[in-house]
Amino acid sequence: MNDELRRIYDSVLLREKRRKELSNHRRNVAAIVDFASSILRREEPKDQNTGVKGQNRTLQQINNSMKDYRGTIAGEMFRQRFASDKKM
């Protein structure tokens, strides 16, 4: 009898632990989605000259950022920095 009650109690604890983990996971995902969507939703005020809404500043920064897929920009900056040190 005690073994059966212990087994039931353990299964209840396990289910409760899984439920809490799933609830925390869902809450964290919802917070991340809310945060990201609020950033992406921001818009600049309308341009006074044209009356057209400006492009989302965050997306504009992403689009304008340097893309250094093979490290060519970083490599060139690295070479320039050390080449200038050797000249001194």
PDB file of N, CA and C in Angstrom:
ATOM      1  N   MET A   1       0.828  -1.198   0.000  1.00  0.00           N
ATOM      2  CA  MET A   1       0.000   0.000   0.000  1.00  0.00           C
ATOM      3  C   MET A   1       0.869   1.257   0.000  1.00  0.00           C
ATOM      4  N   ASN A   2       1.900   1.259   0.852  1.00  0.00           N
ATOM      5  CA  ASN A   2       2.783   2.419   0.936  1.00  0.00           C
ATOM      6  C   ASN A   2       3.563   2.609  -0.370  1.00  0.00           C
ATOM      7  N   ASP A   3       3.952   1.498  -0.979  1.00  0.00           N
ATOM      8  CA  ASP A   3       4.683   1.585  -2.250  1.00  0.00           C
ATOM      9  C   ASP A   3       3.804   2.199  -3.341  1.00  0.00           C
ATOM     10  N   GLU A   4       2.567   1.810  -3.362  1.00  0.00           N
ATOM     11  CA  GLU A   4       1.645   2.341  -4.367  1.00  0.00           C
ATOM     12  C   GLU A   4       1.403   3.836  -4.152  1.00  0.00           C
ATOM     13  N   LEU A   5       1.216   4.249  -2.905  1.00  0.00           N
ATOM     14  CA  LEU A   5       1.031   5.673  -2.604  1.00  0.00           C
ATOM     15  C   LEU A   5       2.281   6.479  -2.959  1.00  0.00           C
ATOM     16  N   ARG A   6       3.446   5.913  -2.684  1.00  0.00           N
ATOM     17  CA  ARG A   6       4.708   6.583  -3.000  1.00  0.00           C
ATOM     18  C   ARG A   6       4.858   6.748  -4.523  1.00  0.00           C
ATOM     19  N   ARG A   7       4.503   5.720  -5.274  1.00  0.00           N
ATOM     20  CA  ARG A   7       4.579   5.773  -6.720  1.00  0.00           C
ATOM     21  C   ARG A   7       3.634   6.840  -7.275  1.00  0.00           C
ATOM     22  N   ILE A   8       2.420   6.913  -6.747  1.00  0.00           N
ATOM     23  CA  ILE A   8       1.449   7.924  -7.177  1.00  0.00           C
ATOM     24  C   ILE A   8       1.962   9.320  -6.835  1.00  0.00           C
ATOM     25  N   TYR A   9       2.489   9.474  -5.629  1.00  0.00           N
ATOM     26  CA  TYR A   9       3.018  10.767  -5.195  1.00  0.00           C
ATOM     27  C   TYR A   9       4.182  11.198  -6.089  1.00  0.00           C
ATOM     28  N   ASP A  10       5.075  10.287  -6.416  1.00  0.00           N
ATOM     29  CA  ASP A  10       6.219  10.603  -7.280  1.00  0.00           C
ATOM     30  C   ASP A  10       5.765  11.005  -8.686  1.00  0.00           C
ATOM     31  N   SER A  11       4.752  10.313  -9.189  1.00  0.00           N
ATOM     32  CA  SER A  11       4.259  10.664 -10.525  1.00  0.00           C
ATOM     33  C   SER A  11       3.582  12.038 -10.524  1.00  0.00           C
ATOM     34  N   VAL A  12       2.909  12.366  -9.440  1.00  0.00           N
ATOM     35  CA  VAL A  12       2.298  13.695  -9.316  1.00  0.00           C
ATOM     36  C   VAL A  12       3.390  14.767  -9.281  1.00  0.00           C
ATOM     37  N   LEU A  13       4.436  14.539  -8.518  1.00  0.00           N
ATOM     38  CA  LEU A  13       5.550  15.493  -8.448  1.00  0.00           C
ATOM     39  C   LEU A  13       6.206  15.666  -9.820  1.00  0.00           C
ATOM     40  N   LEU A  14       6.392  14.584 -10.530  1.00  0.00           N
ATOM     41  CA  LEU A  14       7.005  14.645 -11.852  1.00  0.00           C
ATOM     42  C   LEU A  14       6.126  15.425 -12.830  1.00  0.00           C
ATOM     43  N   ARG A  15       4.824  15.158 -12.821  1.00  0.00           N
ATOM     44  CA  ARG A  15       3.909  15.899 -13.699  1.00  0.00           C
ATOM     45  C   ARG A  15       3.895  17.382 -13.371  1.00  0.00           C
ATOM     46  N   GLU A  16       3.916  17.704 -12.089  1.00  0.00           N
ATOM     47  CA  GLU A  16       3.914  19.110 -11.669  1.00  0.00           C
ATOM     48  C   GLU A  16       5.213  19.807 -12.095  1.00  0.00           C
ATOM     49  N   LYS A  17       6.322  19.108 -11.970  1.00  0.00           N
ATOM     50  CA  LYS A  17       7.601  19.679 -12.392  1.00  0.00           C
ATOM     51  C   LYS A  17       7.590  19.947 -13.898  1.00  0.00           C
ATOM     52  N   ARG A  18       7.104  18.998 -14.685  1.00  0.00           N
ATOM     53  CA  ARG A  18       7.028  19.174 -16.141  1.00  0.00           C
ATOM     54  C   ARG A  18       6.092  20.310 -16.509  1.00  0.00           C
ATOM     55  N   ARG A  19       4.969  20.416 -15.796  1.00  0.00           N
ATOM     56  CA  ARG A  19       4.012  21.492 -16.055  1.00  0.00           C
ATOM     57  C   ARG A  19       4.640  22.845 -15.790  1.00  0.00           C
ATOM     58  N   LYS A  20       5.391  22.978 -14.685  1.00  0.00           N
ATOM     59  CA  LYS A  20       6.054  24.242 -14.365  1.00  0.00           C
ATOM     60  C   LYS A  20       7.133  24.588 -15.390  1.00  0.00           C
ATOM     61  N   GLU A  21       7.893  23.577 -15.827  1.00  0.00           N
ATOM     62  CA  GLU A  21       8.929  23.821 -16.835  1.00  0.00           C
ATOM     63  C   GLU A  21       8.310  24.296 -18.145  1.00  0.00           C
ATOM     64  N   LEU A  22       7.219  23.659 -18.555  1.00  0.00           N
ATOM     65  CA  LEU A  22       6.538  24.055 -19.786  1.00  0.00           C
ATOM     66  C   LEU A  22       5.950  25.454 -19.655  1.00  0.00           C
ATOM     67  N   SER A  23       5.397  25.752 -18.503  1.00  0.00           N
ATOM     68  CA  SER A  23       4.833  27.077 -18.265  1.00  0.00           C
ATOM     69  C   SER A  23       5.932  28.150 -18.307  1.00  0.00           C
ATOM     70  N   ASN A  24       7.072  27.868 -17.679  1.00  0.00           N
ATOM     71  CA  ASN A  24       8.192  28.818 -17.712  1.00  0.00           C
ATOM     72  C   ASN A  24       8.705  29.006 -19.135  1.00  0.00           C
ATOM     73  N   HIS A  25       8.803  27.919 -19.873  1.00  0.00           N
ATOM     74  CA  HIS A  25       9.270  27.986 -21.258  1.00  0.00           C
ATOM     75  C   HIS A  25       8.334  28.853 -22.099  1.00  0.00           C
ATOM     76  N   ARG A  26       7.047  28.615 -21.981  1.00  0.00           N
ATOM     77  CA  ARG A  26       6.074  29.402 -22.739  1.00  0.00           C
ATOM     78  C   ARG A  26       6.126  30.877 -22.358  1.00  0.00           C
ATOM     79  N   ARG A  27       6.278  31.163 -21.067  1.00  0.00           N
ATOM     80  CA  ARG A  27       6.365  32.548 -20.609  1.00  0.00           C
ATOM     81  C   ARG A  27       7.613  33.226 -21.169  1.00  0.00           C
ATOM     82  N   ASN A  28       8.749  32.500 -21.168  1.00  0.00           N
ATOM     83  CA  ASN A  28       9.987  33.065 -21.702  1.00  0.00           C
ATOM     84  C   ASN A  28       9.888  33.324 -23.200  1.00  0.00           C
ATOM     85  N   VAL A  29       9.309  32.398 -23.924  1.00  0.00           N
ATOM     86  CA  VAL A  29       9.146  32.575 -25.374  1.00  0.00           C
ATOM     87  C   VAL A  29       8.237  33.764 -25.651  1.00  0.00           C
ATOM     88  N   ALA A  30       7.164  33.880 -24.900  1.00  0.00           N
ATOM     89  CA  ALA A  30       6.244  35.006 -25.088  1.00  0.00           C
ATOM     90  C   ALA A  30       6.939  36.331 -24.791  1.00  0.00           C
ATOM     91  N   ALA A  31       7.786  36.366 -23.773  1.00  0.00           N
ATOM     92  CA  ALA A  31       8.517  37.593 -23.446  1.00  0.00           C
ATOM     93  C   ALA A  31       9.486  37.970 -24.549  1.00  0.00           C
ATOM     94  N   ILE A  32      10.172  36.993 -25.102  1.00  0.00           N
ATOM     95  CA  ILE A  32      11.122  37.263 -26.190  1.00  0.00           C
ATOM     96  C   ILE A  32      10.383  37.766 -27.427  1.00  0.00           C
ATOM     97  N   VAL A  33       9.277  37.121 -27.767  1.00  0.00           N
ATOM     98  CA  VAL A  33       8.497  37.543 -28.933  1.00  0.00           C
ATOM     99  C   VAL A  33       7.953  38.943 -28.722  1.00  0.00           C
ATOM    100  N   ASP A  34       7.473  39.234 -27.532  1.00  0.00           N
ATOM    101  CA  ASP A  34       6.951  40.563 -27.230  1.00  0.00           C
ATOM    102  C   ASP A  34       8.043  41.616 -27.354  1.00  0.00           C
ATOM    103  N   PHE A  35       9.223  41.319 -26.809  1.00  0.00           N
ATOM    104  CA  PHE A  35      10.344  42.253 -26.871  1.00  0.00           C
ATOM    105  C   PHE A  35      10.762  42.500 -28.318  1.00  0.00           C
ATOM    106  N   ALA A  36      10.941  41.430 -29.082  1.00  0.00           N
ATOM    107  CA  ALA A  36      11.383  41.570 -30.471  1.00  0.00           C
ATOM    108  C   ALA A  36      10.335  42.289 -31.314  1.00  0.00           C
ATOM    109  N   SER A  37       9.088  41.967 -31.119  1.00  0.00           N
ATOM    110  CA  SER A  37       8.050  42.611 -31.933  1.00  0.00           C
ATOM    111  C   SER A  37       7.930  44.087 -31.588  1.00  0.00           C
ATOM    112  N   SER A  38       8.148  44.458 -30.331  1.00  0.00           N
ATOM    113  CA  SER A  38       8.079  45.877 -29.978  1.00  0.00           C
ATOM    114  C   SER A  38       9.231  46.652 -30.596  1.00  0.00           C
ATOM    115  N   ILE A  39      10.396  46.030 -30.715  1.00  0.00           N
ATOM    116  CA  ILE A  39      11.535  46.695 -31.352  1.00  0.00           C
ATOM    117  C   ILE A  39      11.284  46.849 -32.846  1.00  0.00           C
ATOM    118  N   LEU A  40      10.817  45.795 -33.482  1.00  0.00           N
ATOM    119  CA  LEU A  40      10.607  45.830 -34.926  1.00  0.00           C
ATOM    120  C   LEU A  40       9.415  46.685 -35.330  1.00  0.00           C
ATOM    121  N   ARG A  41       8.499  46.905 -34.417  1.00  0.00           N
ATOM    122  CA  ARG A  41       7.298  47.679 -34.710  1.00  0.00           C
ATOM    123  C   ARG A  41       7.544  49.189 -34.647  1.00  0.00           C
ATOM    124  N   ARG A  42       8.609  49.606 -33.978  1.00  0.00           N
ATOM    125  CA  ARG A  42       8.865  51.042 -33.820  1.00  0.00           C
ATOM    126  C   ARG A  42       9.061  51.698 -35.176  1.00  0.00           C
ATOM    127  N   GLU A  43       8.469  52.853 -35.321  1.00  0.00           N
ATOM    128  CA  GLU A  43       8.620  53.595 -36.563  1.00  0.00           C
ATOM    129  C   GLU A  43       9.064  55.005 -36.233  1.00  0.00           C
ATOM    130  N   GLU A  44       9.789  55.583 -37.150  1.00  0.00           N
ATOM    131  CA  GLU A  44      10.195  56.969 -36.982  1.00  0.00           C
ATOM    132  C   GLU A  44       8.998  57.853 -37.286  1.00  0.00           C
ATOM    133  N   PRO A  45       9.013  59.062 -36.753  1.00  0.00           N
ATOM    134  CA  PRO A  45       7.898  59.963 -37.055  1.00  0.00           C
ATOM    135  C   PRO A  45       7.836  60.280 -38.544  1.00  0.00           C
ATOM    136  N   LYS A  46       6.685  60.742 -38.988  1.00  0.00           N
ATOM    137  CA  LYS A  46       6.514  61.067 -40.401  1.00  0.00           C
ATOM    138  C   LYS A  46       7.453  62.199 -40.790  1.00  0.00           C
ATOM    139  N   ASP A  47       7.965  62.102 -41.993  1.00  0.00           N
ATOM    140  CA  ASP A  47       8.819  63.145 -42.537  1.00  0.00           C
ATOM    141  C   ASP A  47       7.950  64.366 -42.802  1.00  0.00           C
ATOM    142  N   GLN A  48       8.394  65.527 -42.345  1.00  0.00           N
ATOM    143  CA  GLN A  48       7.585  66.735 -42.487  1.00  0.00           C
ATOM    144  C   GLN A  48       7.454  67.162 -43.943  1.00  0.00           C
ATOM    145  N   ASN A  49       8.464  66.857 -44.747  1.00  0.00           N
ATOM    146  CA  ASN A  49       8.417  67.287 -46.144  1.00  0.00           C
ATOM    147  C   ASN A  49       7.526  66.397 -46.989  1.00  0.00           C
ATOM    148  N   THR A  50       7.617  65.091 -46.799  1.00  0.00           N
ATOM    149  CA  THR A  50       6.895  64.177 -47.675  1.00  0.00           C
ATOM    150  C   THR A  50       5.645  63.596 -47.033  1.00  0.00           C
ATOM    151  N   GLY A  51       5.603  63.562 -45.705  1.00  0.00           N
ATOM    152  CA  GLY A  51       4.463  62.969 -45.024  1.00  0.00           C
ATOM    153  C   GLY A  51       4.486  61.458 -45.030  1.00  0.00           C
ATOM    154  N   VAL A  52       5.588  60.860 -45.467  1.00  0.00           N
ATOM    155  CA  VAL A  52       5.707  59.409 -45.534  1.00  0.00           C
ATOM    156  C   VAL A  52       6.403  58.924 -44.274  1.00  0.00           C
ATOM    157  N   LYS A  53       5.932  57.815 -43.757  1.00  0.00           N
ATOM    158  CA  LYS A  53       6.577  57.256 -42.571  1.00  0.00           C
ATOM    159  C   LYS A  53       7.986  56.817 -42.916  1.00  0.00           C
ATOM    160  N   GLY A  54       8.925  57.050 -41.992  1.00  0.00           N
ATOM    161  CA  GLY A  54      10.303  56.622 -42.199  1.00  0.00           C
ATOM    162  C   GLY A  54      10.427  55.119 -42.026  1.00  0.00           C
ATOM    163  N   GLN A  55      11.511  54.566 -42.549  1.00  0.00           N
ATOM    164  CA  GLN A  55      11.739  53.131 -42.403  1.00  0.00           C
ATOM    165  C   GLN A  55      12.071  52.831 -40.951  1.00  0.00           C
ATOM    166  N   ASN A  56      11.694  51.697 -40.502  1.00  0.00           N
ATOM    167  CA  ASN A  56      11.993  51.255 -39.148  1.00  0.00           C
ATOM    168  C   ASN A  56      13.500  51.380 -38.915  1.00  0.00           C
ATOM    169  N   ARG A  57      13.885  52.101 -37.873  1.00  0.00           N
ATOM    170  CA  ARG A  57      15.294  52.383 -37.605  1.00  0.00           C
ATOM    171  C   ARG A  57      16.094  51.103 -37.377  1.00  0.00           C
ATOM    172  N   THR A  58      15.530  50.167 -36.670  1.00  0.00           N
ATOM    173  CA  THR A  58      16.239  48.919 -36.398  1.00  0.00           C
ATOM    174  C   THR A  58      16.499  48.158 -37.689  1.00  0.00           C
ATOM    175  N   LEU A  59      15.488  48.037 -38.526  1.00  0.00           N
ATOM    176  CA  LEU A  59      15.668  47.333 -39.790  1.00  0.00           C
ATOM    177  C   LEU A  59      16.644  48.074 -40.690  1.00  0.00           C
ATOM    178  N   GLN A  60      16.633  49.390 -40.631  1.00  0.00           N
ATOM    179  CA  GLN A  60      17.546  50.176 -41.447  1.00  0.00           C
ATOM    180  C   GLN A  60      18.990  49.932 -41.001  1.00  0.00           C
ATOM    181  N   GLN A  61      19.218  49.860 -39.696  1.00  0.00           N
ATOM    182  CA  GLN A  61      20.571  49.588 -39.197  1.00  0.00           C
ATOM    183  C   GLN A  61      21.025  48.197 -39.604  1.00  0.00           C
ATOM    184  N   ILE A  62      20.114  47.239 -39.576  1.00  0.00           N
ATOM    185  CA  ILE A  62      20.468  45.883 -39.983  1.00  0.00           C
ATOM    186  C   ILE A  62      20.831  45.863 -41.458  1.00  0.00           C
ATOM    187  N   ASN A  63      20.040  46.552 -42.270  1.00  0.00           N
ATOM    188  CA  ASN A  63      20.294  46.566 -43.711  1.00  0.00           C
ATOM    189  C   ASN A  63      21.573  47.302 -44.062  1.00  0.00           C
ATOM    190  N   ASN A  64      21.938  48.325 -43.283  1.00  0.00           N
ATOM    191  CA  ASN A  64      23.109  49.132 -43.586  1.00  0.00           C
ATOM    192  C   ASN A  64      24.385  48.603 -42.941  1.00  0.00           C
ATOM    193  N   SER A  65      24.291  47.588 -42.095  1.00  0.00           N
ATOM    194  CA  SER A  65      25.479  47.103 -41.411  1.00  0.00           C
ATOM    195  C   SER A  65      26.421  46.404 -42.388  1.00  0.00           C
ATOM    196  N   MET A  66      27.705  46.431 -42.053  1.00  0.00           N
ATOM    197  CA  MET A  66      28.690  45.784 -42.906  1.00  0.00           C
ATOM    198  C   MET A  66      28.509  44.273 -42.828  1.00  0.00           C
ATOM    199  N   LYS A  67      28.632  43.620 -43.944  1.00  0.00           N
ATOM    200  CA  LYS A  67      28.551  42.171 -43.977  1.00  0.00           C
ATOM    201  C   LYS A  67      29.953  41.657 -44.302  1.00  0.00           C
ATOM    202  N   ASP A  68      30.561  40.990 -43.357  1.00  0.00           N
ATOM    203  CA  ASP A  68      31.945  40.531 -43.491  1.00  0.00           C
ATOM    204  C   ASP A  68      31.951  39.019 -43.373  1.00  0.00           C
ATOM    205  N   TYR A  69      31.431  38.343 -44.411  1.00  0.00           N
ATOM    206  CA  TYR A  69      31.228  36.908 -44.329  1.00  0.00           C
ATOM    207  C   TYR A  69      32.529  36.127 -44.232  1.00  0.00           C
ATOM    208  N   ARG A  70      33.541  36.533 -44.955  1.00  0.00           N
ATOM    209  CA  ARG A  70      34.788  35.774 -44.941  1.00  0.00           C
ATOM    210  C   ARG A  70      35.891  36.476 -44.166  1.00  0.00           C
ATOM    211  N   GLY A  71      35.562  37.509 -43.444  1.00  0.00           N
ATOM    212  CA  GLY A  71      36.549  38.200 -42.620  1.00  0.00           C
ATOM    213  C   GLY A  71      37.465  39.116 -43.400  1.00  0.00           C
ATOM    214  N   THR A  72      37.079  39.482 -44.625  1.00  0.00           N
ATOM    215  CA  THR A  72      37.968  40.320 -45.435  1.00  0.00           C
ATOM    216  C   THR A  72      38.095  41.716 -44.858  1.00  0.00           C
ATOM    217  N   ILE A  73      37.006  42.287 -44.379  1.00  0.00           N
ATOM    218  CA  ILE A  73      37.067  43.632 -43.787  1.00  0.00           C
ATOM    219  C   ILE A  73      37.860  43.586 -42.496  1.00  0.00           C
ATOM    220  N   ALA A  74      37.573  42.617 -41.655  1.00  0.00           N
ATOM    221  CA  ALA A  74      38.292  42.500 -40.391  1.00  0.00           C
ATOM    222  C   ALA A  74      39.767  42.221 -40.633  1.00  0.00           C
ATOM    223  N   GLY A  75      40.085  41.380 -41.607  1.00  0.00           N
ATOM    224  CA  GLY A  75      41.484  41.080 -41.918  1.00  0.00           C
ATOM    225  C   GLY A  75      42.237  42.307 -42.383  1.00  0.00           C
ATOM    226  N   GLU A  76      41.582  43.107 -43.226  1.00  0.00           N
ATOM    227  CA  GLU A  76      42.216  44.330 -43.715  1.00  0.00           C
ATOM    228  C   GLU A  76      42.443  45.324 -42.572  1.00  0.00           C
ATOM    229  N   MET A  77      41.463  45.454 -41.699  1.00  0.00           N
ATOM    230  CA  MET A  77      41.623  46.343 -40.540  1.00  0.00           C
ATOM    231  C   MET A  77      42.745  45.844 -39.636  1.00  0.00           C
ATOM    232  N   PHE A  78      42.842  44.552 -39.458  1.00  0.00           N
ATOM    233  CA  PHE A  78      43.885  43.945 -38.646  1.00  0.00           C
ATOM    234  C   PHE A  78      45.265  44.240 -39.244  1.00  0.00           C
ATOM    235  N   ARG A  79      45.395  44.046 -40.571  1.00  0.00           N
ATOM    236  CA  ARG A  79      46.670  44.316 -41.247  1.00  0.00           C
ATOM    237  C   ARG A  79      47.053  45.787 -41.154  1.00  0.00           C
ATOM    238  N   GLN A  80      46.098  46.681 -41.340  1.00  0.00           N
ATOM    239  CA  GLN A  80      46.387  48.109 -41.268  1.00  0.00           C
ATOM    240  C   GLN A  80      46.836  48.519 -39.874  1.00  0.00           C
ATOM    241  N   ARG A  81      46.193  47.964 -38.863  1.00  0.00           N
ATOM    242  CA  ARG A  81      46.553  48.328 -37.493  1.00  0.00           C
ATOM    243  C   ARG A  81      47.974  47.889 -37.174  1.00  0.00           C
ATOM    244  N   PHE A  82      48.330  46.658 -37.548  1.00  0.00           N
ATOM    245  CA  PHE A  82      49.671  46.174 -37.237  1.00  0.00           C
ATOM    246  C   PHE A  82      50.722  46.759 -38.177  1.00  0.00           C
ATOM    247  N   ALA A  83      50.358  47.105 -39.376  1.00  0.00           N
ATOM    248  CA  ALA A  83      51.298  47.741 -40.290  1.00  0.00           C
ATOM    249  C   ALA A  83      51.630  49.135 -39.790  1.00  0.00           C
ATOM    250  N   SER A  84      50.667  49.836 -39.225  1.00  0.00           N
ATOM    251  CA  SER A  84      50.941  51.182 -38.699  1.00  0.00           C
ATOM    252  C   SER A  84      51.804  51.113 -37.441  1.00  0.00           C
ATOM    253  N   ASP A  85      51.684  50.028 -36.654  1.00  0.00           N
ATOM    254  CA  ASP A  85      52.520  49.865 -35.470  1.00  0.00           C
ATOM    255  C   ASP A  85      53.974  49.618 -35.847  1.00  0.00           C
ATOM    256  N   LYS A  86      54.217  48.908 -36.951  1.00  0.00           N
ATOM    257  CA  LYS A  86      55.584  48.607 -37.377  1.00  0.00           C
ATOM    258  C   LYS A  86      56.295  49.868 -37.876  1.00  0.00           C
ATOM    259  N   LYS A  87      55.554  50.815 -38.441  1.00  0.00           N
ATOM    260  CA  LYS A  87      56.158  52.025 -38.969  1.00  0.00           C
ATOM    261  C   LYS A  87      56.632  52.942 -37.870  1.00  0.00           C
ATOM    262  N   MET A  88      56.093  52.831 -36.701  1.00  0.00           N
ATOM    263  CA  MET A  88      56.464  53.725 -35.602  1.00  0.00           C
ATOM    264  C   MET A  88      57.786  53.405 -35.050  1.00  0.00           C
TER     265      MET A  88
END
